[in-house]
PDB file of N, CA and C in Angstrom:
ATOM      1  N   MET A   1     101.565  86.154 115.364  1.00  0.00           N
ATOM      2  CA  MET A   1     102.787  86.849 115.041  1.00  0.00           C
ATOM      3  C   MET A   1     102.601  87.709 113.782  1.00  0.00           C
ATOM      4  N   LYS A   2     101.857  87.199 112.809  1.00  0.00           N
ATOM      5  CA  LYS A   2     101.625  87.933 111.580  1.00  0.00           C
ATOM      6  C   LYS A   2     100.874  89.234 111.866  1.00  0.00           C
ATOM      7  N   ILE A   3      99.911  89.172 112.775  1.00  0.00           N
ATOM      8  CA  ILE A   3      99.136  90.358 113.140  1.00  0.00           C
ATOM      9  C   ILE A   3     100.047  91.403 113.767  1.00  0.00           C
ATOM     10  N   LYS A   4     100.919  90.978 114.682  1.00  0.00           N
ATOM     11  CA  LYS A   4     101.835  91.920 115.325  1.00  0.00           C
ATOM     12  C   LYS A   4     102.727  92.588 114.295  1.00  0.00           C
ATOM     13  N   THR A   5     103.185  91.844 113.328  1.00  0.00           N
ATOM     14  CA  THR A   5     104.029  92.402 112.281  1.00  0.00           C
ATOM     15  C   THR A   5     103.256  93.421 111.457  1.00  0.00           C
ATOM     16  N   LEU A   6     102.024  93.097 111.087  1.00  0.00           N
ATOM     17  CA  LEU A   6     101.199  94.029 110.315  1.00  0.00           C
ATOM     18  C   LEU A   6     100.924  95.301 111.100  1.00  0.00           C
ATOM     19  N   VAL A   7     100.638  95.161 112.370  1.00  0.00           N
ATOM     20  CA  VAL A   7     100.382  96.319 113.229  1.00  0.00           C
ATOM     21  C   VAL A   7     101.621  97.194 113.297  1.00  0.00           C
ATOM     22  N   ALA A   8     102.757  96.589 113.535  1.00  0.00           N
ATOM     23  CA  ALA A   8     103.995  97.344 113.655  1.00  0.00           C
ATOM     24  C   ALA A   8     104.339  98.059 112.362  1.00  0.00           C
ATOM     25  N   VAL A   9     104.158  97.392 111.249  1.00  0.00           N
ATOM     26  CA  VAL A   9     104.461  98.000 109.959  1.00  0.00           C
ATOM     27  C   VAL A   9     103.529  99.176 109.690  1.00  0.00           C
ATOM     28  N   SER A  10     102.250  98.996 109.955  1.00  0.00           N
ATOM     29  CA  SER A  10     101.284 100.077 109.731  1.00  0.00           C
ATOM     30  C   SER A  10     101.587 101.276 110.623  1.00  0.00           C
ATOM     31  N   ALA A  11     101.846 101.020 111.877  1.00  0.00           N
ATOM     32  CA  ALA A  11     102.144 102.101 112.811  1.00  0.00           C
ATOM     33  C   ALA A  11     103.428 102.816 112.422  1.00  0.00           C
ATOM     34  N   SER A  12     104.437 102.060 112.078  1.00  0.00           N
ATOM     35  CA  SER A  12     105.713 102.652 111.697  1.00  0.00           C
ATOM     36  C   SER A  12     105.588 103.472 110.423  1.00  0.00           C
ATOM     37  N   ALA A  13     104.826 102.988 109.474  1.00  0.00           N
ATOM     38  CA  ALA A  13     104.663 103.699 108.207  1.00  0.00           C
ATOM     39  C   ALA A  13     104.031 105.060 108.419  1.00  0.00           C
ATOM     40  N   LEU A  14     102.996 105.121 109.247  1.00  0.00           N
ATOM     41  CA  LEU A  14     102.354 106.404 109.507  1.00  0.00           C
ATOM     42  C   LEU A  14     103.271 107.311 110.319  1.00  0.00           C
ATOM     43  N   LEU A  15     103.938 106.761 111.287  1.00  0.00           N
ATOM     44  CA  LEU A  15     104.843 107.553 112.117  1.00  0.00           C
ATOM     45  C   LEU A  15     105.955 108.152 111.275  1.00  0.00           C
ATOM     46  N   MET A  16     106.473 107.417 110.318  1.00  0.00           N
ATOM     47  CA  MET A  16     107.578 107.900 109.502  1.00  0.00           C
ATOM     48  C   MET A  16     107.143 108.979 108.519  1.00  0.00           C
ATOM     49  N   THR A  17     105.857 109.107 108.230  1.00  0.00           N
ATOM     50  CA  THR A  17     105.399 110.133 107.300  1.00  0.00           C
ATOM     51  C   THR A  17     105.367 111.510 107.941  1.00  0.00           C
ATOM     52  N   VAL A  18     105.517 111.568 109.233  1.00  0.00           N
ATOM     53  CA  VAL A  18     105.419 112.833 109.956  1.00  0.00           C
ATOM     54  C   VAL A  18     106.807 113.396 110.205  1.00  0.00           C
ATOM     55  N   ALA A  19     107.060 114.601 109.707  1.00  0.00           N
ATOM     56  CA  ALA A  19     108.385 115.181 109.836  1.00  0.00           C
ATOM     57  C   ALA A  19     108.401 116.503 110.591  1.00  0.00           C
ATOM     58  N   ALA A  20     107.367 117.294 110.503  1.00  0.00           N
ATOM     59  CA  ALA A  20     107.378 118.631 111.083  1.00  0.00           C
ATOM     60  C   ALA A  20     106.767 118.642 112.475  1.00  0.00           C
ATOM     61  N   ALA A  21     107.246 119.573 113.299  1.00  0.00           N
ATOM     62  CA  ALA A  21     106.701 119.710 114.655  1.00  0.00           C
ATOM     63  C   ALA A  21     105.435 120.563 114.609  1.00  0.00           C
ATOM     64  N   SER A  22     104.519 120.301 115.515  1.00  0.00           N
ATOM     65  CA  SER A  22     103.295 121.087 115.621  1.00  0.00           C
ATOM     66  C   SER A  22     102.725 120.921 117.019  1.00  0.00           C
ATOM     67  N   ALA A  23     101.426 121.081 117.170  1.00  0.00           N
ATOM     68  CA  ALA A  23     100.793 120.994 118.482  1.00  0.00           C
ATOM     69  C   ALA A  23     100.979 119.626 119.130  1.00  0.00           C
ATOM     70  N   CYS A  24     101.109 118.608 118.348  1.00  0.00           N
ATOM     71  CA  CYS A  24     101.333 117.254 118.852  1.00  0.00           C
ATOM     72  C   CYS A  24     102.837 116.978 118.795  1.00  0.00           C
ATOM     73  N   THR A  25     103.411 116.626 119.907  1.00  0.00           N
ATOM     74  CA  THR A  25     104.856 116.391 119.939  1.00  0.00           C
ATOM     75  C   THR A  25     105.206 114.976 119.498  1.00  0.00           C
ATOM     76  N   GLN A  26     106.471 114.773 119.204  1.00  0.00           N
ATOM     77  CA  GLN A  26     106.952 113.448 118.818  1.00  0.00           C
ATOM     78  C   GLN A  26     106.689 112.446 119.942  1.00  0.00           C
ATOM     79  N   GLU A  27     106.856 112.871 121.187  1.00  0.00           N
ATOM     80  CA  GLU A  27     106.627 111.987 122.327  1.00  0.00           C
ATOM     81  C   GLU A  27     105.150 111.577 122.420  1.00  0.00           C
ATOM     82  N   GLU A  28     104.256 112.542 122.200  1.00  0.00           N
ATOM     83  CA  GLU A  28     102.822 112.232 122.223  1.00  0.00           C
ATOM     84  C   GLU A  28     102.462 111.268 121.105  1.00  0.00           C
ATOM     85  N   LEU A  29     103.015 111.515 119.931  1.00  0.00           N
ATOM     86  CA  LEU A  29     102.742 110.642 118.796  1.00  0.00           C
ATOM     87  C   LEU A  29     103.266 109.234 119.045  1.00  0.00           C
ATOM     88  N   THR A  30     104.457 109.139 119.593  1.00  0.00           N
ATOM     89  CA  THR A  30     105.035 107.828 119.902  1.00  0.00           C
ATOM     90  C   THR A  30     104.172 107.080 120.907  1.00  0.00           C
ATOM     91  N   LYS A  31     103.662 107.791 121.917  1.00  0.00           N
ATOM     92  CA  LYS A  31     102.781 107.154 122.903  1.00  0.00           C
ATOM     93  C   LYS A  31     101.490 106.680 122.245  1.00  0.00           C
ATOM     94  N   LYS A  32     100.932 107.496 121.359  1.00  0.00           N
ATOM     95  CA  LYS A  32      99.708 107.107 120.661  1.00  0.00           C
ATOM     96  C   LYS A  32      99.941 105.855 119.816  1.00  0.00           C
ATOM     97  N   VAL A  33     101.079 105.783 119.144  1.00  0.00           N
ATOM     98  CA  VAL A  33     101.415 104.604 118.341  1.00  0.00           C
ATOM     99  C   VAL A  33     101.462 103.370 119.232  1.00  0.00           C
ATOM    100  N   THR A  34     102.123 103.494 120.363  1.00  0.00           N
ATOM    101  CA  THR A  34     102.241 102.378 121.304  1.00  0.00           C
ATOM    102  C   THR A  34     100.865 101.969 121.829  1.00  0.00           C
ATOM    103  N   ASP A  35     100.069 102.946 122.215  1.00  0.00           N
ATOM    104  CA  ASP A  35      98.730 102.659 122.750  1.00  0.00           C
ATOM    105  C   ASP A  35      97.835 101.981 121.714  1.00  0.00           C
ATOM    106  N   VAL A  36      97.863 102.475 120.488  1.00  0.00           N
ATOM    107  CA  VAL A  36      97.030 101.895 119.435  1.00  0.00           C
ATOM    108  C   VAL A  36      97.511 100.489 119.085  1.00  0.00           C
ATOM    109  N   THR A  37      98.814 100.316 119.019  1.00  0.00           N
ATOM    110  CA  THR A  37      99.361  98.987 118.723  1.00  0.00           C
ATOM    111  C   THR A  37      98.921  97.984 119.774  1.00  0.00           C
ATOM    112  N   THR A  38      98.991  98.373 121.034  1.00  0.00           N
ATOM    113  CA  THR A  38      98.557  97.513 122.130  1.00  0.00           C
ATOM    114  C   THR A  38      97.059  97.235 122.028  1.00  0.00           C
ATOM    115  N   ALA A  39      96.273  98.270 121.746  1.00  0.00           N
ATOM    116  CA  ALA A  39      94.818  98.096 121.627  1.00  0.00           C
ATOM    117  C   ALA A  39      94.459  97.158 120.480  1.00  0.00           C
ATOM    118  N   ILE A  40      95.175  97.268 119.372  1.00  0.00           N
ATOM    119  CA  ILE A  40      94.918  96.376 118.233  1.00  0.00           C
ATOM    120  C   ILE A  40      95.241  94.941 118.616  1.00  0.00           C
ATOM    121  N   GLN A  41      96.372  94.741 119.250  1.00  0.00           N
ATOM    122  CA  GLN A  41      96.759  93.389 119.664  1.00  0.00           C
ATOM    123  C   GLN A  41      95.738  92.796 120.621  1.00  0.00           C
ATOM    124  N   GLU A  42      95.272  93.586 121.579  1.00  0.00           N
ATOM    125  CA  GLU A  42      94.280  93.108 122.539  1.00  0.00           C
ATOM    126  C   GLU A  42      92.957  92.783 121.850  1.00  0.00           C
ATOM    127  N   ALA A  43      92.536  93.640 120.927  1.00  0.00           N
ATOM    128  CA  ALA A  43      91.272  93.414 120.224  1.00  0.00           C
ATOM    129  C   ALA A  43      91.331  92.150 119.376  1.00  0.00           C
ATOM    130  N   VAL A  44      92.460  91.935 118.732  1.00  0.00           N
ATOM    131  CA  VAL A  44      92.610  90.747 117.889  1.00  0.00           C
ATOM    132  C   VAL A  44      92.690  89.479 118.735  1.00  0.00           C
ATOM    133  N   MET A  45      93.351  89.555 119.865  1.00  0.00           N
ATOM    134  CA  MET A  45      93.424  88.389 120.747  1.00  0.00           C
ATOM    135  C   MET A  45      92.046  88.073 121.329  1.00  0.00           C
ATOM    136  N   LYS A  46      91.278  89.124 121.628  1.00  0.00           N
ATOM    137  CA  LYS A  46      89.941  88.946 122.196  1.00  0.00           C
ATOM    138  C   LYS A  46      88.988  88.340 121.167  1.00  0.00           C
ATOM    139  N   ASP A  47      89.088  88.808 119.915  1.00  0.00           N
ATOM    140  CA  ASP A  47      88.198  88.322 118.857  1.00  0.00           C
ATOM    141  C   ASP A  47      88.974  88.233 117.546  1.00  0.00           C
ATOM    142  N   PRO A  48      89.663  87.105 117.330  1.00  0.00           N
ATOM    143  CA  PRO A  48      90.483  86.942 116.120  1.00  0.00           C
ATOM    144  C   PRO A  48      89.708  87.110 114.814  1.00  0.00           C
ATOM    145  N   SER A  49      88.416  86.903 114.858  1.00  0.00           N
ATOM    146  CA  SER A  49      87.620  87.048 113.635  1.00  0.00           C
ATOM    147  C   SER A  49      87.552  88.498 113.154  1.00  0.00           C
ATOM    148  N   LYS A  50      87.890  89.443 114.026  1.00  0.00           N
ATOM    149  CA  LYS A  50      87.860  90.858 113.658  1.00  0.00           C
ATOM    150  C   LYS A  50      89.211  91.377 113.168  1.00  0.00           C
ATOM    151  N   ALA A  51      90.201  90.518 113.092  1.00  0.00           N
ATOM    152  CA  ALA A  51      91.550  90.949 112.709  1.00  0.00           C
ATOM    153  C   ALA A  51      91.566  91.641 111.360  1.00  0.00           C
ATOM    154  N   GLN A  52      90.908  91.054 110.388  1.00  0.00           N
ATOM    155  CA  GLN A  52      90.906  91.637 109.047  1.00  0.00           C
ATOM    156  C   GLN A  52      90.216  92.999 109.043  1.00  0.00           C
ATOM    157  N   GLU A  53      89.109  93.113 109.747  1.00  0.00           N
ATOM    158  CA  GLU A  53      88.368  94.379 109.833  1.00  0.00           C
ATOM    159  C   GLU A  53      89.217  95.459 110.506  1.00  0.00           C
ATOM    160  N   ILE A  54      89.883  95.095 111.577  1.00  0.00           N
ATOM    161  CA  ILE A  54      90.723  96.047 112.309  1.00  0.00           C
ATOM    162  C   ILE A  54      91.893  96.504 111.454  1.00  0.00           C
ATOM    163  N   MET A  55      92.531  95.565 110.783  1.00  0.00           N
ATOM    164  CA  MET A  55      93.674  95.926 109.946  1.00  0.00           C
ATOM    165  C   MET A  55      93.231  96.784 108.763  1.00  0.00           C
ATOM    166  N   ALA A  56      92.032  96.535 108.245  1.00  0.00           N
ATOM    167  CA  ALA A  56      91.504  97.363 107.158  1.00  0.00           C
ATOM    168  C   ALA A  56      91.300  98.799 107.643  1.00  0.00           C
ATOM    169  N   LYS A  57      90.790  98.949 108.858  1.00  0.00           N
ATOM    170  CA  LYS A  57      90.584 100.290 109.419  1.00  0.00           C
ATOM    171  C   LYS A  57      91.924 100.972 109.652  1.00  0.00           C
ATOM    172  N   ALA A  58      92.907 100.244 110.144  1.00  0.00           N
ATOM    173  CA  ALA A  58      94.238 100.813 110.354  1.00  0.00           C
ATOM    174  C   ALA A  58      94.831 101.257 109.018  1.00  0.00           C
ATOM    175  N   GLN A  59      94.646 100.454 107.989  1.00  0.00           N
ATOM    176  CA  GLN A  59      95.132 100.809 106.656  1.00  0.00           C
ATOM    177  C   GLN A  59      94.416 102.046 106.130  1.00  0.00           C
ATOM    178  N   GLU A  60      93.119 102.132 106.393  1.00  0.00           N
ATOM    179  CA  GLU A  60      92.334 103.298 105.975  1.00  0.00           C
ATOM    180  C   GLU A  60      92.885 104.572 106.608  1.00  0.00           C
ATOM    181  N   MET A  61      93.169 104.513 107.898  1.00  0.00           N
ATOM    182  CA  MET A  61      93.726 105.676 108.592  1.00  0.00           C
ATOM    183  C   MET A  61      95.109 106.027 108.037  1.00  0.00           C
ATOM    184  N   GLN A  62      95.909 105.007 107.779  1.00  0.00           N
ATOM    185  CA  GLN A  62      97.245 105.241 107.239  1.00  0.00           C
ATOM    186  C   GLN A  62      97.145 105.927 105.876  1.00  0.00           C
ATOM    187  N   THR A  63      96.253 105.456 105.040  1.00  0.00           N
ATOM    188  CA  THR A  63      96.074 106.034 103.706  1.00  0.00           C
ATOM    189  C   THR A  63      95.545 107.461 103.802  1.00  0.00           C
ATOM    190  N   LYS A  64      94.604 107.671 104.693  1.00  0.00           N
ATOM    191  CA  LYS A  64      93.992 108.994 104.856  1.00  0.00           C
ATOM    192  C   LYS A  64      95.034 110.052 105.226  1.00  0.00           C
ATOM    193  N   TYR A  65      95.970 109.688 106.076  1.00  0.00           N
ATOM    194  CA  TYR A  65      96.934 110.660 106.572  1.00  0.00           C
ATOM    195  C   TYR A  65      98.331 110.483 105.988  1.00  0.00           C
ATOM    196  N   GLN A  66      98.470 109.597 105.019  1.00  0.00           N
ATOM    197  CA  GLN A  66      99.765 109.344 104.407  1.00  0.00           C
ATOM    198  C   GLN A  66     100.297 110.630 103.764  1.00  0.00           C
ATOM    199  N   GLY A  67     101.550 110.879 103.959  1.00  0.00           N
ATOM    200  CA  GLY A  67     102.175 112.046 103.357  1.00  0.00           C
ATOM    201  C   GLY A  67     102.045 113.316 104.169  1.00  0.00           C
ATOM    202  N   THR A  68     101.346 113.255 105.280  1.00  0.00           N
ATOM    203  CA  THR A  68     101.201 114.452 106.097  1.00  0.00           C
ATOM    204  C   THR A  68     102.541 114.803 106.744  1.00  0.00           C
ATOM    205  N   THR A  69     102.795 116.070 106.865  1.00  0.00           N
ATOM    206  CA  THR A  69     103.995 116.525 107.574  1.00  0.00           C
ATOM    207  C   THR A  69     103.607 117.243 108.859  1.00  0.00           C
ATOM    208  N   ASP A  70     102.359 117.114 109.228  1.00  0.00           N
ATOM    209  CA  ASP A  70     101.826 117.767 110.412  1.00  0.00           C
ATOM    210  C   ASP A  70     101.569 116.716 111.496  1.00  0.00           C
ATOM    211  N   MET A  71     102.294 116.817 112.582  1.00  0.00           N
ATOM    212  CA  MET A  71     102.135 115.837 113.664  1.00  0.00           C
ATOM    213  C   MET A  71     100.732 115.860 114.235  1.00  0.00           C
ATOM    214  N   ALA A  72     100.091 117.002 114.220  1.00  0.00           N
ATOM    215  CA  ALA A  72      98.717 117.080 114.732  1.00  0.00           C
ATOM    216  C   ALA A  72      97.796 116.185 113.900  1.00  0.00           C
ATOM    217  N   GLU A  73      98.011 116.154 112.598  1.00  0.00           N
ATOM    218  CA  GLU A  73      97.215 115.299 111.728  1.00  0.00           C
ATOM    219  C   GLU A  73      97.501 113.821 112.013  1.00  0.00           C
ATOM    220  N   ALA A  74      98.756 113.488 112.235  1.00  0.00           N
ATOM    221  CA  ALA A  74      99.117 112.105 112.553  1.00  0.00           C
ATOM    222  C   ALA A  74      98.511 111.698 113.893  1.00  0.00           C
ATOM    223  N   CYS A  75      98.571 112.593 114.873  1.00  0.00           N
ATOM    224  CA  CYS A  75      97.957 112.305 116.168  1.00  0.00           C
ATOM    225  C   CYS A  75      96.451 112.104 116.004  1.00  0.00           C
ATOM    226  N   LYS A  76      95.848 112.909 115.145  1.00  0.00           N
ATOM    227  CA  LYS A  76      94.414 112.789 114.885  1.00  0.00           C
ATOM    228  C   LYS A  76      94.099 111.408 114.307  1.00  0.00           C
ATOM    229  N   ALA A  77      94.945 110.928 113.428  1.00  0.00           N
ATOM    230  CA  ALA A  77      94.745 109.597 112.834  1.00  0.00           C
ATOM    231  C   ALA A  77      94.738 108.528 113.913  1.00  0.00           C
ATOM    232  N   TYR A  78      95.699 108.598 114.824  1.00  0.00           N
ATOM    233  CA  TYR A  78      95.758 107.606 115.898  1.00  0.00           C
ATOM    234  C   TYR A  78      94.604 107.763 116.874  1.00  0.00           C
ATOM    235  N   ASP A  79      94.158 108.997 117.112  1.00  0.00           N
ATOM    236  CA  ASP A  79      92.986 109.211 117.962  1.00  0.00           C
ATOM    237  C   ASP A  79      91.747 108.575 117.338  1.00  0.00           C
ATOM    238  N   GLU A  80      91.585 108.756 116.022  1.00  0.00           N
ATOM    239  CA  GLU A  80      90.440 108.167 115.323  1.00  0.00           C
ATOM    240  C   GLU A  80      90.490 106.643 115.395  1.00  0.00           C
ATOM    241  N   LEU A  81      91.667 106.089 115.204  1.00  0.00           N
ATOM    242  CA  LEU A  81      91.800 104.637 115.262  1.00  0.00           C
ATOM    243  C   LEU A  81      91.538 104.122 116.670  1.00  0.00           C
ATOM    244  N   GLN A  82      92.008 104.852 117.669  1.00  0.00           N
ATOM    245  CA  GLN A  82      91.766 104.472 119.069  1.00  0.00           C
ATOM    246  C   GLN A  82      90.268 104.479 119.366  1.00  0.00           C
ATOM    247  N   GLU A  83      89.559 105.481 118.898  1.00  0.00           N
ATOM    248  CA  GLU A  83      88.104 105.562 119.096  1.00  0.00           C
ATOM    249  C   GLU A  83      87.406 104.388 118.416  1.00  0.00           C
ATOM    250  N   TYR A  84      87.840 104.055 117.221  1.00  0.00           N
ATOM    251  CA  TYR A  84      87.272 102.920 116.496  1.00  0.00           C
ATOM    252  C   TYR A  84      87.464 101.627 117.301  1.00  0.00           C
ATOM    253  N   LEU A  85      88.622 101.462 117.878  1.00  0.00           N
ATOM    254  CA  LEU A  85      88.924 100.234 118.634  1.00  0.00           C
ATOM    255  C   LEU A  85      88.111 100.131 119.915  1.00  0.00           C
ATOM    256  N   LYS A  86      87.665 101.245 120.444  1.00  0.00           N
ATOM    257  CA  LYS A  86      86.868 101.237 121.683  1.00  0.00           C
ATOM    258  C   LYS A  86      85.436 100.769 121.447  1.00  0.00           C
ATOM    259  N   LYS A  87      85.002 100.771 120.197  1.00  0.00           N
ATOM    260  CA  LYS A  87      83.615 100.385 119.883  1.00  0.00           C
ATOM    261  C   LYS A  87      83.409  98.912 120.046  1.00  0.00           C
TER     262      LYS A  87
END
Protein backbone atom coordinates (compact mmCIF):
# COMPACT_ATOMS: atom_id res chain seq x y z
CA MET A 1 0.00 0.00 0.00
CA LYS A 2 2.87 2.37 0.80
CA ILE A 3 4.33 1.82 -2.67
CA LYS A 4 1.01 2.61 -4.34
CA THR A 5 0.77 5.82 -2.35
CA LEU A 6 4.31 6.85 -3.30
CA VAL A 7 3.64 6.09 -6.96
CA ALA A 8 0.41 8.07 -6.95
CA VAL A 9 1.99 11.03 -5.22
CA SER A 10 4.95 11.09 -7.60
CA ALA A 11 2.75 10.80 -10.67
CA SER A 12 0.34 13.43 -9.43
CA ALA A 13 3.13 15.85 -8.55
CA LEU A 14 4.59 15.72 -12.04
CA LEU A 15 1.19 15.89 -13.69
CA MET A 16 0.26 18.98 -11.69
CA THR A 17 3.41 20.83 -12.78
CA VAL A 18 2.19 20.86 -16.37
CA ALA A 19 -0.10 23.74 -17.25
CA ALA A 20 0.33 24.69 -20.91
CA ALA A 21 -0.89 22.81 -23.97
CA SER A 22 1.60 21.56 -26.56
CA ALA A 23 2.22 18.58 -28.84
CA CYS A 24 1.31 16.21 -26.01
CA THR A 25 -2.31 16.53 -24.95
CA GLN A 26 -3.70 16.30 -21.44
CA GLU A 27 -5.36 13.01 -22.40
CA GLU A 28 -2.06 11.55 -23.63
CA LEU A 29 -0.31 12.68 -20.48
CA THR A 30 -3.02 11.21 -18.28
CA LYS A 31 -2.72 7.88 -20.11
CA LYS A 32 1.06 7.91 -19.69
CA VAL A 33 0.65 8.55 -15.95
CA THR A 34 -1.75 5.63 -15.68
CA ASP A 35 0.49 3.34 -17.73
CA VAL A 36 3.62 4.21 -15.75
CA THR A 37 1.81 3.84 -12.43
CA THR A 38 0.61 0.39 -13.47
CA ALA A 39 4.09 -0.57 -14.71
CA ILE A 40 5.66 0.54 -11.42
CA GLN A 41 3.15 -1.45 -9.40
CA GLU A 42 3.73 -4.55 -11.54
CA ALA A 43 7.52 -4.21 -11.32
CA VAL A 44 7.42 -3.83 -7.56
CA MET A 45 5.08 -6.78 -7.13
CA LYS A 46 7.31 -8.89 -9.39
CA ASP A 47 10.50 -7.93 -7.51
CA PRO A 48 9.90 -6.06 -4.23
CA SER A 49 13.63 -5.68 -3.73
CA LYS A 50 13.68 -3.17 -6.60
CA ALA A 51 11.05 -0.88 -5.07
CA GLN A 52 13.55 1.59 -3.70
CA GLU A 53 15.49 1.71 -7.00
CA ILE A 54 12.30 2.24 -9.01
CA MET A 55 11.02 4.96 -6.72
CA ALA A 56 14.42 6.69 -6.87
CA LYS A 57 14.22 6.70 -10.68
CA ALA A 58 10.67 8.05 -10.56
CA GLN A 59 11.84 10.79 -8.19
CA GLU A 60 14.74 11.57 -10.53
CA MET A 61 12.35 12.03 -13.45
CA GLN A 62 10.04 14.17 -11.33
CA THR A 63 12.94 16.39 -10.27
CA LYS A 64 14.31 16.62 -13.80
CA TYR A 65 11.02 17.89 -15.21
CA GLN A 66 9.66 19.68 -12.15
CA GLY A 67 8.35 23.12 -12.94
CA THR A 68 7.90 22.48 -16.64
CA THR A 69 4.90 24.09 -18.27
CA ASP A 70 5.34 22.11 -21.46
CA MET A 71 3.25 18.96 -21.74
CA ALA A 72 5.68 17.56 -24.29
CA GLU A 73 8.40 17.68 -21.64
CA ALA A 74 6.14 15.97 -19.10
CA CYS A 75 5.25 13.29 -21.64
CA LYS A 76 8.96 12.85 -22.31
CA ALA A 77 9.54 12.27 -18.59
CA TYR A 78 6.94 9.51 -18.50
CA ASP A 79 8.32 7.99 -21.71
CA GLU A 80 11.79 7.88 -20.14
CA LEU A 81 10.43 6.28 -17.00
CA GLN A 82 8.46 3.75 -19.04
CA GLU A 83 11.63 2.80 -20.95
CA TYR A 84 13.52 2.41 -17.68
CA LEU A 85 10.81 0.08 -16.35
CA LYS A 86 11.03 -2.13 -19.45
CA LYS A 87 14.68 -2.96 -18.71
